PDB file of N, CA and C in Angstrom:
ATOM      1  N   UNK A   1     -18.498 116.151  81.354  1.00  0.00           N
ATOM      2  CA  UNK A   1     -18.314 117.213  80.740  1.00  0.00           C
ATOM      3  C   UNK A   1     -18.482 118.046  81.996  1.00  0.00           C
ATOM      4  N   UNK A   2     -17.588 119.665  81.650  1.00  0.00           N
ATOM      5  CA  UNK A   2     -17.804 120.136  82.761  1.00  0.00           C
ATOM      6  C   UNK A   2     -18.778 120.972  83.220  1.00  0.00           C
ATOM      7  N   UNK A   3     -18.617 121.340  84.281  1.00  0.00           N
ATOM      8  CA  UNK A   3     -19.509 122.433  85.091  1.00  0.00           C
ATOM      9  C   UNK A   3     -19.424 123.534  84.968  1.00  0.00           C
ATOM     10  N   UNK A   4     -18.545 123.652  85.184  1.00  0.00           N
ATOM     11  CA  UNK A   4     -17.243 125.380  85.161  1.00  0.00           C
ATOM     12  C   UNK A   4     -18.459 126.175  83.618  1.00  0.00           C
ATOM     13  N   UNK A   5     -18.472 127.236  84.241  1.00  0.00           N
ATOM     14  CA  UNK A   5     -19.508 127.786  83.508  1.00  0.00           C
ATOM     15  C   UNK A   5     -18.086 129.307  82.990  1.00  0.00           C
ATOM     16  N   UNK A   6     -18.708 129.891  81.790  1.00  0.00           N
ATOM     17  CA  UNK A   6     -17.482 130.732  81.009  1.00  0.00           C
ATOM     18  C   UNK A   6     -18.404 132.390  81.177  1.00  0.00           C
ATOM     19  N   UNK A   7     -17.113 133.122  81.313  1.00  0.00           N
ATOM     20  CA  UNK A   7     -17.570 134.354  81.794  1.00  0.00           C
ATOM     21  C   UNK A   7     -18.020 134.691  79.847  1.00  0.00           C
ATOM     22  N   UNK A   8     -18.768 135.601  80.120  1.00  0.00           N
ATOM     23  CA  UNK A   8     -18.691 135.905  77.935  1.00  0.00           C
ATOM     24  C   UNK A   8     -18.990 137.533  78.321  1.00  0.00           C
ATOM     25  N   UNK A   9     -18.342 137.948  77.539  1.00  0.00           N
ATOM     26  CA  UNK A   9     -17.667 139.615  77.320  1.00  0.00           C
ATOM     27  C   UNK A   9     -19.369 139.934  77.586  1.00  0.00           C
ATOM     28  N   UNK A  10     -19.109 141.219  77.842  1.00  0.00           N
ATOM     29  CA  UNK A  10     -20.512 142.153  77.546  1.00  0.00           C
ATOM     30  C   UNK A  10     -20.289 143.275  76.191  1.00  0.00           C
ATOM     31  N   UNK A  11     -20.857 144.085  75.782  1.00  0.00           N
ATOM     32  CA  UNK A  11     -20.718 144.730  74.858  1.00  0.00           C
ATOM     33  C   UNK A  11     -20.022 146.062  75.373  1.00  0.00           C
ATOM     34  N   UNK A  12     -19.931 146.204  76.668  1.00  0.00           N
ATOM     35  CA  UNK A  12     -19.104 147.403  77.624  1.00  0.00           C
ATOM     36  C   UNK A  12     -17.934 147.025  77.305  1.00  0.00           C
ATOM     37  N   UNK A  13     -17.884 146.048  77.921  1.00  0.00           N
ATOM     38  CA  UNK A  13     -16.084 145.610  77.660  1.00  0.00           C
ATOM     39  C   UNK A  13     -16.100 146.060  76.783  1.00  0.00           C
ATOM     40  N   UNK A  14     -16.400 145.501  75.751  1.00  0.00           N
ATOM     41  CA  UNK A  14     -16.204 145.707  73.562  1.00  0.00           C
ATOM     42  C   UNK A  14     -15.799 147.304  73.541  1.00  0.00           C
ATOM     43  N   UNK A  15     -16.508 147.958  74.216  1.00  0.00           N
ATOM     44  CA  UNK A  15     -16.252 149.299  73.948  1.00  0.00           C
ATOM     45  C   UNK A  15     -15.261 149.537  74.504  1.00  0.00           C
ATOM     46  N   UNK A  16     -15.022 149.117  75.800  1.00  0.00           N
ATOM     47  CA  UNK A  16     -13.834 149.606  76.570  1.00  0.00           C
ATOM     48  C   UNK A  16     -12.132 149.182  76.071  1.00  0.00           C
ATOM     49  N   UNK A  17     -12.235 147.889  75.344  1.00  0.00           N
ATOM     50  CA  UNK A  17     -11.004 147.237  75.128  1.00  0.00           C
ATOM     51  C   UNK A  17     -11.076 148.218  73.658  1.00  0.00           C
ATOM     52  N   UNK A  18     -12.043 148.737  72.852  1.00  0.00           N
ATOM     53  CA  UNK A  18     -11.494 149.412  71.477  1.00  0.00           C
ATOM     54  C   UNK A  18     -11.295 150.795  71.711  1.00  0.00           C
ATOM     55  N   UNK A  19     -11.699 151.356  72.645  1.00  0.00           N
ATOM     56  CA  UNK A  19     -11.170 152.691  73.572  1.00  0.00           C
ATOM     57  C   UNK A  19      -9.998 152.368  74.084  1.00  0.00           C
ATOM     58  N   UNK A  20      -9.479 151.497  74.438  1.00  0.00           N
ATOM     59  CA  UNK A  20      -7.554 151.413  74.359  1.00  0.00           C
ATOM     60  C   UNK A  20      -6.425 151.305  73.862  1.00  0.00           C
ATOM     61  N   UNK A  21      -7.556 150.529  72.752  1.00  0.00           N
ATOM     62  CA  UNK A  21      -6.853 149.950  71.345  1.00  0.00           C
ATOM     63  C   UNK A  21      -6.937 151.456  70.115  1.00  0.00           C
ATOM     64  N   UNK A  22      -7.793 152.147  70.542  1.00  0.00           N
ATOM     65  CA  UNK A  22      -7.400 153.611  69.742  1.00  0.00           C
ATOM     66  C   UNK A  22      -6.470 154.631  70.503  1.00  0.00           C
ATOM     67  N   UNK A  23      -6.443 154.485  72.185  1.00  0.00           N
ATOM     68  CA  UNK A  23      -5.760 155.053  72.650  1.00  0.00           C
ATOM     69  C   UNK A  23      -4.372 155.014  72.515  1.00  0.00           C
ATOM     70  N   UNK A  24      -4.083 153.313  72.057  1.00  0.00           N
ATOM     71  CA  UNK A  24      -2.570 153.181  72.178  1.00  0.00           C
ATOM     72  C   UNK A  24      -2.325 153.530  70.400  1.00  0.00           C
ATOM     73  N   UNK A  25      -3.642 153.425  69.497  1.00  0.00           N
ATOM     74  CA  UNK A  25      -2.908 153.683  67.840  1.00  0.00           C
ATOM     75  C   UNK A  25      -2.428 155.477  68.127  1.00  0.00           C
ATOM     76  N   UNK A  26      -3.367 155.980  68.520  1.00  0.00           N
ATOM     77  CA  UNK A  26      -2.907 157.752  69.010  1.00  0.00           C
ATOM     78  C   UNK A  26      -1.119 157.559  69.636  1.00  0.00           C
ATOM     79  N   UNK A  27      -0.781 156.781  70.251  1.00  0.00           N
ATOM     80  CA  UNK A  27      -0.360 157.447  71.007  1.00  0.00           C
ATOM     81  C   UNK A  27       0.761 156.601  69.839  1.00  0.00           C
ATOM     82  N   UNK A  28       0.681 155.580  69.030  1.00  0.00           N
ATOM     83  CA  UNK A  28       1.506 155.319  68.016  1.00  0.00           C
ATOM     84  C   UNK A  28       2.201 156.220  66.723  1.00  0.00           C
ATOM     85  N   UNK A  29       0.698 156.607  66.785  1.00  0.00           N
ATOM     86  CA  UNK A  29       1.259 157.854  65.596  1.00  0.00           C
ATOM     87  C   UNK A  29       1.653 159.269  66.360  1.00  0.00           C
ATOM     88  N   UNK A  30       1.479 159.519  67.607  1.00  0.00           N
ATOM     89  CA  UNK A  30       1.769 160.941  68.349  1.00  0.00           C
ATOM     90  C   UNK A  30       3.703 160.597  68.254  1.00  0.00           C
ATOM     91  N   UNK A  31       4.034 158.783  68.223  1.00  0.00           N
ATOM     92  CA  UNK A  31       5.684 158.116  68.319  1.00  0.00           C
ATOM     93  C   UNK A  31       6.338 158.571  67.069  1.00  0.00           C
ATOM     94  N   UNK A  32       5.545 158.302  66.006  1.00  0.00           N
ATOM     95  CA  UNK A  32       6.028 158.517  64.812  1.00  0.00           C
ATOM     96  C   UNK A  32       6.519 159.794  64.392  1.00  0.00           C
ATOM     97  N   UNK A  33       5.263 161.176  64.757  1.00  0.00           N
ATOM     98  CA  UNK A  33       5.787 162.085  64.649  1.00  0.00           C
ATOM     99  C   UNK A  33       6.903 162.638  65.528  1.00  0.00           C
ATOM    100  N   UNK A  34       7.814 161.772  66.581  1.00  0.00           N
ATOM    101  CA  UNK A  34       8.400 162.406  67.440  1.00  0.00           C
ATOM    102  C   UNK A  34       9.915 162.891  66.454  1.00  0.00           C
ATOM    103  N   UNK A  35      10.823 163.329  67.604  1.00  0.00           N
ATOM    104  CA  UNK A  35      12.345 163.105  67.123  1.00  0.00           C
ATOM    105  C   UNK A  35      13.087 161.871  68.158  1.00  0.00           C
ATOM    106  N   UNK A  36      13.249 161.265  67.579  1.00  0.00           N
ATOM    107  CA  UNK A  36      14.030 160.149  68.386  1.00  0.00           C
ATOM    108  C   UNK A  36      14.811 159.461  67.882  1.00  0.00           C
ATOM    109  N   UNK A  37      15.713 158.652  68.439  1.00  0.00           N
ATOM    110  CA  UNK A  37      16.902 157.493  67.606  1.00  0.00           C
ATOM    111  C   UNK A  37      15.612 157.043  67.265  1.00  0.00           C
ATOM    112  N   UNK A  38      16.281 156.374  65.509  1.00  0.00           N
ATOM    113  CA  UNK A  38      15.385 155.242  65.148  1.00  0.00           C
ATOM    114  C   UNK A  38      15.210 153.923  65.985  1.00  0.00           C
ATOM    115  N   UNK A  39      16.193 153.844  66.501  1.00  0.00           N
ATOM    116  CA  UNK A  39      16.018 152.368  67.594  1.00  0.00           C
ATOM    117  C   UNK A  39      15.293 152.207  68.135  1.00  0.00           C
ATOM    118  N   UNK A  40      14.477 153.305  68.920  1.00  0.00           N
ATOM    119  CA  UNK A  40      14.350 153.826  70.215  1.00  0.00           C
ATOM    120  C   UNK A  40      12.227 153.595  69.104  1.00  0.00           C
ATOM    121  N   UNK A  41      12.688 154.018  68.336  1.00  0.00           N
ATOM    122  CA  UNK A  41      11.353 155.009  67.757  1.00  0.00           C
ATOM    123  C   UNK A  41      10.927 153.095  67.265  1.00  0.00           C
ATOM    124  N   UNK A  42      11.539 152.324  66.809  1.00  0.00           N
ATOM    125  CA  UNK A  42      11.042 150.680  66.329  1.00  0.00           C
ATOM    126  C   UNK A  42      10.610 149.686  67.752  1.00  0.00           C
ATOM    127  N   UNK A  43      11.755 149.688  68.333  1.00  0.00           N
ATOM    128  CA  UNK A  43      11.180 149.061  69.850  1.00  0.00           C
ATOM    129  C   UNK A  43       9.768 150.232  70.057  1.00  0.00           C
ATOM    130  N   UNK A  44       9.948 150.731  70.256  1.00  0.00           N
ATOM    131  CA  UNK A  44       8.474 151.376  70.970  1.00  0.00           C
ATOM    132  C   UNK A  44       7.105 151.176  70.223  1.00  0.00           C
ATOM    133  N   UNK A  45       7.500 151.114  68.665  1.00  0.00           N
ATOM    134  CA  UNK A  45       5.949 150.894  67.704  1.00  0.00           C
ATOM    135  C   UNK A  45       6.105 149.571  67.935  1.00  0.00           C
ATOM    136  N   UNK A  46       6.849 148.430  67.831  1.00  0.00           N
ATOM    137  CA  UNK A  46       6.682 147.096  67.974  1.00  0.00           C
ATOM    138  C   UNK A  46       6.214 146.438  69.107  1.00  0.00           C
ATOM    139  N   UNK A  47       6.549 147.318  70.281  1.00  0.00           N
ATOM    140  CA  UNK A  47       5.729 147.042  71.902  1.00  0.00           C
ATOM    141  C   UNK A  47       4.256 147.366  71.539  1.00  0.00           C
ATOM    142  N   UNK A  48       4.078 148.126  71.461  1.00  0.00           N
ATOM    143  CA  UNK A  48       2.967 149.054  71.069  1.00  0.00           C
ATOM    144  C   UNK A  48       2.257 147.914  70.067  1.00  0.00           C
ATOM    145  N   UNK A  49       2.426 147.691  69.036  1.00  0.00           N
ATOM    146  CA  UNK A  49       2.023 146.711  67.575  1.00  0.00           C
ATOM    147  C   UNK A  49       1.684 145.210  68.852  1.00  0.00           C
ATOM    148  N   UNK A  50       3.104 144.629  69.763  1.00  0.00           N
ATOM    149  CA  UNK A  50       2.312 143.254  70.041  1.00  0.00           C
ATOM    150  C   UNK A  50       1.317 143.797  71.684  1.00  0.00           C
ATOM    151  N   UNK A  51       1.083 144.867  72.173  1.00  0.00           N
ATOM    152  CA  UNK A  51       0.263 144.892  73.083  1.00  0.00           C
ATOM    153  C   UNK A  51      -1.317 144.914  72.505  1.00  0.00           C
ATOM    154  N   UNK A  52      -1.366 145.580  71.021  1.00  0.00           N
ATOM    155  CA  UNK A  52      -2.537 145.409  70.448  1.00  0.00           C
ATOM    156  C   UNK A  52      -2.676 144.205  69.987  1.00  0.00           C
ATOM    157  N   UNK A  53      -1.935 143.592  69.358  1.00  0.00           N
ATOM    158  CA  UNK A  53      -1.766 142.221  68.592  1.00  0.00           C
ATOM    159  C   UNK A  53      -2.709 141.439  70.072  1.00  0.00           C
ATOM    160  N   UNK A  54      -1.781 141.015  70.646  1.00  0.00           N
ATOM    161  CA  UNK A  54      -2.487 140.541  72.138  1.00  0.00           C
ATOM    162  C   UNK A  54      -3.495 140.509  72.786  1.00  0.00           C
ATOM    163  N   UNK A  55      -4.088 141.973  72.342  1.00  0.00           N
ATOM    164  CA  UNK A  55      -5.276 142.194  73.114  1.00  0.00           C
ATOM    165  C   UNK A  55      -6.805 142.158  72.278  1.00  0.00           C
ATOM    166  N   UNK A  56      -6.198 142.294  70.810  1.00  0.00           N
ATOM    167  CA  UNK A  56      -7.119 142.065  69.741  1.00  0.00           C
ATOM    168  C   UNK A  56      -7.539 140.384  69.463  1.00  0.00           C
ATOM    169  N   UNK A  57      -6.168 139.803  69.282  1.00  0.00           N
ATOM    170  CA  UNK A  57      -7.093 138.199  69.853  1.00  0.00           C
ATOM    171  C   UNK A  57      -7.076 137.785  71.198  1.00  0.00           C
ATOM    172  N   UNK A  58      -6.967 138.067  72.281  1.00  0.00           N
ATOM    173  CA  UNK A  58      -7.383 138.092  74.063  1.00  0.00           C
ATOM    174  C   UNK A  58      -8.822 137.910  73.519  1.00  0.00           C
ATOM    175  N   UNK A  59      -9.162 139.376  73.355  1.00  0.00           N
ATOM    176  CA  UNK A  59     -10.915 139.567  73.196  1.00  0.00           C
ATOM    177  C   UNK A  59     -12.018 139.806  72.162  1.00  0.00           C
ATOM    178  N   UNK A  60     -11.159 140.144  70.932  1.00  0.00           N
ATOM    179  CA  UNK A  60     -12.163 140.470  69.803  1.00  0.00           C
ATOM    180  C   UNK A  60     -12.335 138.430  69.042  1.00  0.00           C
ATOM    181  N   UNK A  61     -11.359 137.538  68.827  1.00  0.00           N
ATOM    182  CA  UNK A  61     -11.208 136.561  68.943  1.00  0.00           C
ATOM    183  C   UNK A  61     -11.145 135.382  70.025  1.00  0.00           C
ATOM    184  N   UNK A  62     -11.239 136.431  71.078  1.00  0.00           N
ATOM    185  CA  UNK A  62     -12.210 135.088  72.483  1.00  0.00           C
ATOM    186  C   UNK A  62     -11.670 134.174  72.433  1.00  0.00           C
ATOM    187  N   UNK A  63      -9.777 134.103  72.174  1.00  0.00           N
ATOM    188  CA  UNK A  63      -9.334 133.654  72.921  1.00  0.00           C
ATOM    189  C   UNK A  63      -9.244 133.810  74.753  1.00  0.00           C
ATOM    190  N   UNK A  64      -8.843 134.779  75.240  1.00  0.00           N
ATOM    191  CA  UNK A  64      -9.196 134.868  76.510  1.00  0.00           C
ATOM    192  C   UNK A  64      -9.785 133.825  77.350  1.00  0.00           C
ATOM    193  N   UNK A  65     -11.187 133.525  76.594  1.00  0.00           N
ATOM    194  CA  UNK A  65     -12.609 132.831  77.074  1.00  0.00           C
ATOM    195  C   UNK A  65     -12.474 131.449  76.903  1.00  0.00           C
ATOM    196  N   UNK A  66     -11.517 131.586  76.100  1.00  0.00           N
ATOM    197  CA  UNK A  66     -11.746 129.756  75.590  1.00  0.00           C
ATOM    198  C   UNK A  66     -10.689 129.187  76.326  1.00  0.00           C
ATOM    199  N   UNK A  67     -10.574 127.535  75.795  1.00  0.00           N
ATOM    200  CA  UNK A  67     -10.038 126.707  76.808  1.00  0.00           C
ATOM    201  C   UNK A  67      -8.283 126.989  76.450  1.00  0.00           C
ATOM    202  N   UNK A  68      -7.644 126.609  77.597  1.00  0.00           N
ATOM    203  CA  UNK A  68      -6.144 127.187  77.465  1.00  0.00           C
ATOM    204  C   UNK A  68      -5.559 126.426  75.932  1.00  0.00           C
ATOM    205  N   UNK A  69      -5.826 124.952  75.647  1.00  0.00           N
ATOM    206  CA  UNK A  69      -5.389 124.265  74.510  1.00  0.00           C
ATOM    207  C   UNK A  69      -5.742 125.235  73.173  1.00  0.00           C
ATOM    208  N   UNK A  70      -6.968 125.451  73.207  1.00  0.00           N
ATOM    209  CA  UNK A  70      -6.737 126.630  71.666  1.00  0.00           C
ATOM    210  C   UNK A  70      -5.909 127.652  71.645  1.00  0.00           C
ATOM    211  N   UNK A  71      -4.668 127.723  72.587  1.00  0.00           N
ATOM    212  CA  UNK A  71      -4.634 129.017  72.827  1.00  0.00           C
ATOM    213  C   UNK A  71      -2.922 128.794  71.851  1.00  0.00           C
ATOM    214  N   UNK A  72      -2.581 126.855  71.784  1.00  0.00           N
ATOM    215  CA  UNK A  72      -1.361 126.497  71.836  1.00  0.00           C
ATOM    216  C   UNK A  72      -1.279 126.745  70.087  1.00  0.00           C
ATOM    217  N   UNK A  73      -2.077 126.739  69.114  1.00  0.00           N
ATOM    218  CA  UNK A  73      -1.783 126.835  67.241  1.00  0.00           C
ATOM    219  C   UNK A  73      -1.282 128.348  67.251  1.00  0.00           C
ATOM    220  N   UNK A  74      -2.367 129.186  67.936  1.00  0.00           N
ATOM    221  CA  UNK A  74      -1.675 130.586  67.468  1.00  0.00           C
ATOM    222  C   UNK A  74      -0.377 130.938  68.224  1.00  0.00           C
ATOM    223  N   UNK A  75      -0.224 130.843  69.817  1.00  0.00           N
ATOM    224  CA  UNK A  75       1.377 130.827  69.919  1.00  0.00           C
ATOM    225  C   UNK A  75       2.572 130.039  69.168  1.00  0.00           C
ATOM    226  N   UNK A  76       1.928 128.816  68.288  1.00  0.00           N
ATOM    227  CA  UNK A  76       2.919 127.878  67.753  1.00  0.00           C
ATOM    228  C   UNK A  76       2.858 129.256  66.406  1.00  0.00           C
ATOM    229  N   UNK A  77       2.293 129.802  65.967  1.00  0.00           N
ATOM    230  CA  UNK A  77       1.962 130.662  64.861  1.00  0.00           C
ATOM    231  C   UNK A  77       2.803 131.772  64.676  1.00  0.00           C
ATOM    232  N   UNK A  78       2.441 132.238  66.313  1.00  0.00           N
ATOM    233  CA  UNK A  78       3.018 133.724  66.468  1.00  0.00           C
ATOM    234  C   UNK A  78       4.729 133.155  66.460  1.00  0.00           C
ATOM    235  N   UNK A  79       5.096 132.557  66.886  1.00  0.00           N
ATOM    236  CA  UNK A  79       6.581 131.540  67.639  1.00  0.00           C
ATOM    237  C   UNK A  79       7.437 131.737  66.097  1.00  0.00           C
ATOM    238  N   UNK A  80       6.802 130.768  64.903  1.00  0.00           N
ATOM    239  CA  UNK A  80       7.135 130.951  64.056  1.00  0.00           C
ATOM    240  C   UNK A  80       7.610 132.297  63.492  1.00  0.00           C
ATOM    241  N   UNK A  81       6.478 132.441  63.669  1.00  0.00           N
ATOM    242  CA  UNK A  81       6.281 134.542  62.360  1.00  0.00           C
ATOM    243  C   UNK A  81       7.588 134.800  63.265  1.00  0.00           C
ATOM    244  N   UNK A  82       7.802 135.304  64.518  1.00  0.00           N
ATOM    245  CA  UNK A  82       8.502 135.908  64.635  1.00  0.00           C
ATOM    246  C   UNK A  82      10.055 135.430  64.643  1.00  0.00           C
ATOM    247  N   UNK A  83      10.477 134.503  64.248  1.00  0.00           N
ATOM    248  CA  UNK A  83      11.486 133.737  64.033  1.00  0.00           C
ATOM    249  C   UNK A  83      11.724 133.838  63.399  1.00  0.00           C
ATOM    250  N   UNK A  84      11.127 133.741  62.069  1.00  0.00           N
ATOM    251  CA  UNK A  84      11.109 134.106  60.744  1.00  0.00           C
ATOM    252  C   UNK A  84      11.769 135.762  60.545  1.00  0.00           C
ATOM    253  N   UNK A  85      10.673 136.414  60.740  1.00  0.00           N
ATOM    254  CA  UNK A  85      10.599 138.102  60.935  1.00  0.00           C
ATOM    255  C   UNK A  85      12.543 138.648  61.602  1.00  0.00           C
ATOM    256  N   UNK A  86      12.837 137.684  62.653  1.00  0.00           N
ATOM    257  CA  UNK A  86      14.003 137.852  63.089  1.00  0.00           C
ATOM    258  C   UNK A  86      15.190 137.886  62.320  1.00  0.00           C
ATOM    259  N   UNK A  87      14.840 136.187  61.722  1.00  0.00           N
ATOM    260  CA  UNK A  87      16.143 135.826  60.502  1.00  0.00           C
ATOM    261  C   UNK A  87      15.732 136.994  59.686  1.00  0.00           C
ATOM    262  N   UNK A  88      14.818 137.445  58.865  1.00  0.00           N
ATOM    263  CA  UNK A  88      14.957 138.586  57.976  1.00  0.00           C
ATOM    264  C   UNK A  88      15.826 139.672  57.933  1.00  0.00           C
ATOM    265  N   UNK A  89      15.411 140.180  59.456  1.00  0.00           N
ATOM    266  CA  UNK A  89      15.353 141.452  59.932  1.00  0.00           C
ATOM    267  C   UNK A  89      17.086 141.375  59.963  1.00  0.00           C
ATOM    268  N   UNK A  90      17.703 140.370  60.465  1.00  0.00           N
ATOM    269  CA  UNK A  90      19.389 139.929  60.700  1.00  0.00           C
ATOM    270  C   UNK A  90      19.960 140.005  59.535  1.00  0.00           C
ATOM    271  N   UNK A  91      19.281 139.737  58.731  1.00  0.00           N
ATOM    272  CA  UNK A  91      20.054 139.608  57.127  1.00  0.00           C
ATOM    273  C   UNK A  91      19.911 140.740  56.610  1.00  0.00           C
ATOM    274  N   UNK A  92      18.545 141.339  56.658  1.00  0.00           N
ATOM    275  CA  UNK A  92      19.232 142.460  56.179  1.00  0.00           C
ATOM    276  C   UNK A  92      19.810 143.436  56.587  1.00  0.00           C
ATOM    277  N   UNK A  93      20.044 143.631  57.894  1.00  0.00           N
ATOM    278  CA  UNK A  93      20.979 144.640  58.936  1.00  0.00           C
ATOM    279  C   UNK A  93      22.662 143.690  58.430  1.00  0.00           C
ATOM    280  N   UNK A  94      22.821 142.861  57.836  1.00  0.00           N
ATOM    281  CA  UNK A  94      23.719 142.702  57.899  1.00  0.00           C
ATOM    282  C   UNK A  94      24.542 142.444  56.413  1.00  0.00           C
ATOM    283  N   UNK A  95      23.493 142.119  55.338  1.00  0.00           N
ATOM    284  CA  UNK A  95      23.134 142.830  54.276  1.00  0.00           C
ATOM    285  C   UNK A  95      24.308 144.209  53.846  1.00  0.00           C
ATOM    286  N   UNK A  96      23.370 145.203  54.427  1.00  0.00           N
ATOM    287  CA  UNK A  96      23.628 146.384  54.409  1.00  0.00           C
ATOM    288  C   UNK A  96      24.800 147.319  54.977  1.00  0.00           C
ATOM    289  N   UNK A  97      25.558 146.281  56.128  1.00  0.00           N
ATOM    290  CA  UNK A  97      26.541 146.309  56.918  1.00  0.00           C
ATOM    291  C   UNK A  97      27.356 146.457  55.911  1.00  0.00           C
ATOM    292  N   UNK A  98      27.342 145.270  55.154  1.00  0.00           N
ATOM    293  CA  UNK A  98      29.049 144.542  54.789  1.00  0.00           C
ATOM    294  C   UNK A  98      28.615 144.614  53.016  1.00  0.00           C
ATOM    295  N   UNK A  99      27.662 145.548  52.683  1.00  0.00           N
ATOM    296  CA  UNK A  99      27.866 145.173  51.129  1.00  0.00           C
ATOM    297  C   UNK A  99      28.275 146.040  50.441  1.00  0.00           C
ATOM    298  N   UNK A 100      29.045 146.302  49.209  1.00  0.00           N
ATOM    299  CA  UNK A 100      29.670 147.311  48.999  1.00  0.00           C
ATOM    300  C   UNK A 100      28.722 148.658  49.024  1.00  0.00           C
ATOM    301  N   UNK A 101      29.411 150.021  49.232  1.00  0.00           N
ATOM    302  CA  UNK A 101      27.881 151.555  48.535  1.00  0.00           C
ATOM    303  C   UNK A 101      28.882 151.379  47.365  1.00  0.00           C
TER     304      UNK A 101
END
């Protein structure tokens, strides 16, 4: 048995994390109303979504406080999902680029 103690988050920490998530969401909404090149908009929104995903999984799903080996199934699924997303996105771009109009 391990004698190491695990840090348990407090309610105050959850409120802080929720506040930061609300700020990131507000930035995402603000970005969606701004005039910018679509590529910059999509990349900005994707990065904000990734940050929010990591924070939610880390704090609200307690992965930050669990054993590191429990992260592997999540990371494997995430890698698989991102790979499939990239393949579909590339396929859609190629189809739109080379399909007759």
